[in-house]
Structure formats: structure tokens, C-alpha cells
Amino acid sequence: MNTPSDDRGLKIGIFGGTFNPIHLGHLRSAEEIRDTFALDRIYFVPAARPPHRSGDTLVAAPYRLRMVELAVADNPFFQASAVELERTGPSYSIDTIRHFRRTLDPAALFFIVGLDAFRDIHTWKDYATIPALCHLIVTSRPGVVSPLPEQLLPVALQAALWYDPAHTMYRHPSGHSLVFHEIHGLQISASQVRALLRQRQSIRYLVPAPVAAYIADNALYQPEECAE
């Protein structure tokens, strides 16, 4: 169930990514964001065909969705969503945001995006529309030193948002906000997990145990499958 009707009117996070595979860093980051911003639920949305990714080999979308389902099963505040896998074509963030706006209105939506991806927002489909539809939480990775918040807004959005120094956030005429948040979670990457799997080394304590078992049972990320 992608969008339970009882989520309408709540504070909902949307956390997209390839999740190739999902790992404890993803989960810890989402938990920190949920706690910091008092979100009622976070939807993990695996991308089917990321329009800006090239060179990386993704395992099939149903595998990545199932890994997300297994990873979030024990957290009542987390939910897997197959919305991007059920659409045809590339996975555009704007389409996902509009889906949740349509199905969960009047929920307050918080779109969670990493700083590296956010810096390329000018290449996204209908990027200028996004701040009018939802709040944005832009995260940086643990240990990565970022510029001050007032220096981080891409040129493409500078005419649409204004900086509120009293609350260290950007504001949009719609009433939505854009906040930069430095994650203090685990320094784990999916590429690190894939590299260990290619070398047939342990990924214990990097991914949830059910995800590790699923990867092993389905022989995912084997050397011949992960050549890059």
C-alpha cells in the first residue's frame, strides 16, 4: 500500500533514490530527519529509471523495492512506495511529488534530497515548480563540510526563494520552506556495499540483516552483474 488514506493531513517525508541497495546509512539519515522535523511518516521511493544516472548498473527495480520493504518493515514511521516503479519512463521527482500531493492532500510534504543532487536542480524536469508544491530538506553527508546555508542556494532558485536568517532557512511565497540539514548518521554508501559484494566480502552491519539475506538468496551484485 503506497499511500494510506490516514496519512492525509500529516507531515509526510518523501525520500527518493536508487537504493542500490538500501543500507543503514539511508535508514539512520531518514530517522534523524523524521525526528528533527517531527515527520509523521517517511516514504522511501525507489527510482525505476533515474534520468541523471549513467554508468552505474542497477539491479532490477523489483529487487530494489523488495529490499526497501524488508529494510523498513520494523519501523512504523517508514513506508516503501512503488509509485515510480509503476510509472513508465524516467523517474522524475516532480511527478512523484505531484502524486503525493494528489493522493495525500492536505498533507504537508517534505521532499528529502541530497546536496549533490540539489546542486543540479536546474537540470530537473519542472524544477521551478517544486518549491510551490512542497517543503524541501536538503541533506549533506556525514563528515562533509558544506558552505553556510545562505551560500548554498543554486542560481536557478535564487529568484524564487528568500533567506530567513532568524530561522536559517529559505522561504517561498507559497509558505513552503527550504532547509539545509547536515546529517550526523552513518558514513556508509551503496557503492561501498556493492564493492564489498563484488569482492565476496561481508556486508554485515552495513545493511539490515533481512536485506543481506535477500541479497545472498538472490545472488545480487555478483561480479559479472556489477561490472562498471
Protein backbone atom coordinates (compact mmCIF):
# COMPACT_ATOMS: atom_id res chain seq x y z
CA MET A 1 0.00 0.00 0.00
CA ASN A 2 1.73 3.12 -1.24
CA THR A 3 -0.34 5.96 0.20
CA PRO A 4 -2.62 5.06 3.13
CA SER A 5 -5.59 7.42 3.37
CA ASP A 6 -4.93 8.01 7.06
CA ASP A 7 -1.73 9.88 6.11
CA ARG A 8 -3.78 12.81 4.81
CA GLY A 9 -3.26 15.92 6.84
CA LEU A 10 0.02 14.71 8.37
CA LYS A 11 3.65 15.76 7.86
CA ILE A 12 4.99 13.39 5.22
CA GLY A 13 8.59 12.93 4.06
CA ILE A 14 9.42 11.71 0.55
CA PHE A 15 12.82 10.06 0.34
CA GLY A 16 13.75 9.02 -3.19
CA GLY A 17 16.81 7.23 -4.52
CA THR A 18 18.01 4.19 -6.36
CA PHE A 19 18.54 2.29 -3.07
CA ASN A 20 21.03 0.08 -4.88
CA PRO A 21 21.00 -1.36 -2.25
CA ILE A 22 19.37 0.35 0.71
CA HIS A 23 21.71 0.41 3.71
CA LEU A 24 21.85 1.50 7.34
CA GLY A 25 23.10 4.96 6.36
CA HIS A 26 19.84 5.57 4.47
CA LEU A 27 17.80 4.39 7.42
CA ARG A 28 19.71 6.34 10.04
CA SER A 29 19.54 9.52 7.93
CA ALA A 30 15.78 9.11 7.49
CA GLU A 31 15.32 8.51 11.21
CA GLU A 32 17.31 11.64 12.05
CA ILE A 33 15.25 13.71 9.63
CA ARG A 34 11.98 12.26 10.93
CA ASP A 35 12.95 13.12 14.48
CA THR A 36 14.38 16.57 13.73
CA PHE A 37 11.44 17.76 11.64
CA ALA A 38 8.72 15.85 13.54
CA LEU A 39 7.52 13.98 10.46
CA ASP A 40 4.66 11.54 10.86
CA ARG A 41 5.84 9.21 8.10
CA ILE A 42 8.59 8.89 5.52
CA TYR A 43 8.02 7.18 2.19
CA PHE A 44 11.06 5.51 0.63
CA VAL A 45 10.61 5.74 -3.16
CA PRO A 46 12.96 3.60 -5.28
CA ALA A 47 13.58 5.10 -8.72
CA ALA A 48 12.87 2.97 -11.77
CA ARG A 49 14.97 4.86 -14.33
CA PRO A 50 16.85 7.80 -12.81
CA PRO A 51 17.21 10.40 -15.61
CA HIS A 52 20.56 11.71 -14.29
CA ARG A 53 22.31 8.42 -13.61
CA SER A 54 24.59 6.82 -16.16
CA GLY A 55 27.40 4.31 -15.88
CA ASP A 56 26.09 2.59 -12.76
CA THR A 57 24.46 -0.78 -13.20
CA LEU A 58 21.22 -1.06 -11.24
CA VAL A 59 19.75 -4.36 -10.22
CA ALA A 60 16.18 -4.79 -11.42
CA ALA A 61 13.63 -2.48 -9.81
CA PRO A 62 11.56 -5.26 -8.16
CA TYR A 63 14.67 -6.40 -6.26
CA ARG A 64 15.40 -2.88 -5.03
CA LEU A 65 11.79 -2.34 -3.98
CA ARG A 66 11.76 -5.62 -2.06
CA MET A 67 14.99 -4.68 -0.27
CA VAL A 68 13.41 -1.39 0.78
CA GLU A 69 10.31 -3.21 2.02
CA LEU A 70 12.45 -5.53 4.10
CA ALA A 71 14.56 -2.67 5.45
CA VAL A 72 11.62 -0.59 6.70
CA ALA A 73 9.35 -3.41 7.87
CA ASP A 74 10.13 -2.95 11.56
CA ASN A 75 9.64 0.84 11.63
CA PRO A 76 6.01 2.04 11.81
CA PHE A 77 7.07 5.52 10.64
CA PHE A 78 8.66 4.25 7.40
CA GLN A 79 6.83 3.00 4.30
CA ALA A 80 8.03 1.71 0.93
CA SER A 81 6.36 3.17 -2.15
CA ALA A 82 6.35 1.67 -5.64
CA VAL A 83 4.93 4.81 -7.26
CA GLU A 84 7.95 5.41 -9.51
CA LEU A 85 8.16 1.75 -10.48
CA GLU A 86 4.51 1.74 -11.53
CA ARG A 87 5.04 4.60 -13.99
CA THR A 88 6.62 4.18 -17.39
CA GLY A 89 9.62 6.21 -18.47
CA PRO A 90 12.23 8.03 -16.38
CA SER A 91 11.64 8.69 -12.67
CA TYR A 92 11.08 12.44 -12.39
CA SER A 93 10.85 13.93 -8.89
CA ILE A 94 8.15 16.39 -9.92
CA ASP A 95 5.84 13.54 -10.95
CA THR A 96 6.36 11.80 -7.62
CA ILE A 97 5.68 14.99 -5.66
CA ARG A 98 2.51 15.60 -7.66
CA HIS A 99 1.40 12.03 -6.95
CA PHE A 100 1.69 12.52 -3.20
CA ARG A 101 0.06 15.95 -3.40
CA ARG A 102 -2.88 14.41 -5.24
CA THR A 103 -3.30 11.36 -3.01
CA LEU A 104 -2.46 12.83 0.41
CA ASP A 105 -3.79 16.38 0.22
CA PRO A 106 -3.81 18.30 2.58
CA ALA A 107 -0.70 16.60 3.99
CA ALA A 108 2.39 18.79 4.35
CA LEU A 109 5.01 17.24 2.08
CA PHE A 110 8.75 17.37 2.77
CA PHE A 111 10.91 16.30 -0.18
CA ILE A 112 14.27 14.97 1.03
CA VAL A 113 17.19 15.37 -1.36
CA GLY A 114 20.96 15.14 -1.05
CA LEU A 115 23.07 18.25 -1.51
CA ASP A 116 24.93 16.89 -4.54
CA ALA A 117 21.67 16.21 -6.39
CA PHE A 118 20.19 19.52 -5.26
CA ARG A 119 23.07 21.47 -6.79
CA ASP A 120 21.96 20.11 -10.18
CA ILE A 121 18.30 21.02 -9.66
CA HIS A 122 18.38 23.25 -12.74
CA THR A 123 18.56 20.05 -14.83
CA TRP A 124 15.41 18.56 -13.25
CA LYS A 125 12.07 18.46 -15.01
CA ASP A 126 9.88 21.44 -13.95
CA TYR A 127 12.33 22.24 -11.15
CA ALA A 128 10.96 25.76 -10.58
CA THR A 129 7.57 24.30 -9.65
CA ILE A 130 8.88 22.11 -6.83
CA PRO A 131 9.12 24.74 -4.03
CA ALA A 132 5.48 25.67 -4.66
CA LEU A 133 4.37 22.07 -4.10
CA CYS A 134 6.33 21.00 -1.02
CA HIS A 135 8.93 21.82 1.60
CA LEU A 136 12.50 20.82 0.77
CA ILE A 137 15.02 19.25 3.15
CA VAL A 138 18.48 19.27 1.59
CA THR A 139 20.92 16.97 3.35
CA SER A 140 24.69 16.70 3.34
CA ARG A 141 26.61 13.51 4.05
CA PRO A 142 28.23 12.93 7.43
CA GLY A 143 31.71 14.44 7.64
CA VAL A 144 31.31 16.58 4.51
CA VAL A 145 31.93 20.25 5.23
CA SER A 146 29.35 22.41 3.45
CA PRO A 147 29.22 26.18 2.87
CA LEU A 148 26.94 28.29 5.04
CA PRO A 149 23.20 27.85 4.30
CA GLU A 150 22.91 31.33 2.81
CA GLN A 151 25.58 30.35 0.23
CA LEU A 152 24.05 27.07 -0.89
CA LEU A 153 21.03 28.05 -2.97
CA PRO A 154 21.55 27.29 -6.68
CA VAL A 155 21.29 30.24 -9.04
CA ALA A 156 18.23 28.65 -10.67
CA LEU A 157 16.18 29.13 -7.48
CA GLN A 158 17.53 32.43 -6.20
CA ALA A 159 14.69 34.47 -7.67
CA ALA A 160 12.04 32.19 -6.18
CA LEU A 161 13.15 31.95 -2.53
CA TRP A 162 14.42 34.38 0.09
CA TYR A 163 16.70 33.66 3.02
CA ASP A 164 15.35 33.96 6.57
CA PRO A 165 18.45 34.33 8.78
CA ALA A 166 16.44 34.18 12.01
CA HIS A 167 15.42 30.60 11.21
CA THR A 168 18.38 29.69 8.93
CA MET A 169 16.09 28.60 6.12
CA TYR A 170 14.79 29.77 2.77
CA ARG A 171 11.14 30.65 2.27
CA HIS A 172 8.85 30.53 -0.76
CA PRO A 173 5.77 32.72 -1.41
CA SER A 174 3.65 29.55 -1.16
CA GLY A 175 4.57 29.25 2.50
CA HIS A 176 6.91 26.32 1.92
CA SER A 177 10.46 26.34 3.23
CA LEU A 178 13.84 25.01 2.15
CA VAL A 179 16.14 23.83 4.92
CA PHE A 180 19.73 22.58 4.75
CA HIS A 181 20.41 19.81 7.26
CA GLU A 182 23.76 18.20 7.96
CA ILE A 183 23.25 14.50 8.63
CA HIS A 184 25.08 13.07 11.62
CA GLY A 185 24.31 9.47 10.72
CA LEU A 186 26.46 6.61 9.47
CA GLN A 187 29.12 7.07 6.79
CA ILE A 188 28.01 4.23 4.52
CA SER A 189 27.48 4.31 0.75
CA ALA A 190 25.76 1.94 -1.62
CA SER A 191 28.90 1.88 -3.79
CA GLN A 192 30.87 0.69 -0.76
CA VAL A 193 28.36 -2.12 -0.18
CA ARG A 194 28.43 -3.14 -3.85
CA ALA A 195 32.24 -3.15 -3.87
CA LEU A 196 32.34 -5.49 -0.89
CA LEU A 197 29.83 -7.80 -2.54
CA ARG A 198 31.84 -7.89 -5.76
CA GLN A 199 34.83 -8.93 -3.67
CA ARG A 200 32.66 -11.50 -1.86
CA GLN A 201 33.29 -9.82 1.49
CA SER A 202 30.90 -9.37 4.40
CA ILE A 203 28.33 -6.57 4.41
CA ARG A 204 27.17 -7.38 7.91
CA TYR A 205 26.31 -4.24 9.94
CA LEU A 206 26.21 -2.15 6.75
CA VAL A 207 22.73 -3.22 5.65
CA PRO A 208 19.80 -4.62 7.66
CA ALA A 209 20.10 -8.36 8.21
CA PRO A 210 16.98 -9.19 6.12
CA VAL A 211 18.44 -7.18 3.22
CA ALA A 212 21.78 -9.00 3.48
CA ALA A 213 19.94 -12.34 3.44
CA TYR A 214 17.85 -11.28 0.44
CA ILE A 215 20.95 -10.21 -1.49
CA ALA A 216 22.60 -13.56 -0.77
CA ASP A 217 19.49 -15.59 -1.60
CA ASN A 218 19.09 -13.84 -4.96
CA ALA A 219 22.82 -13.65 -5.79
CA LEU A 220 22.62 -9.89 -6.32
CA TYR A 221 25.63 -7.68 -7.04
CA GLN A 222 27.83 -10.52 -8.18
CA PRO A 223 30.99 -9.58 -10.16
CA GLU A 224 29.51 -10.35 -13.57
CA GLU A 225 26.36 -8.39 -12.71
CA CYS A 226 28.07 -5.30 -11.33
CA ALA A 227 30.74 -4.63 -13.93
CA GLU A 228 31.03 -0.86 -14.41
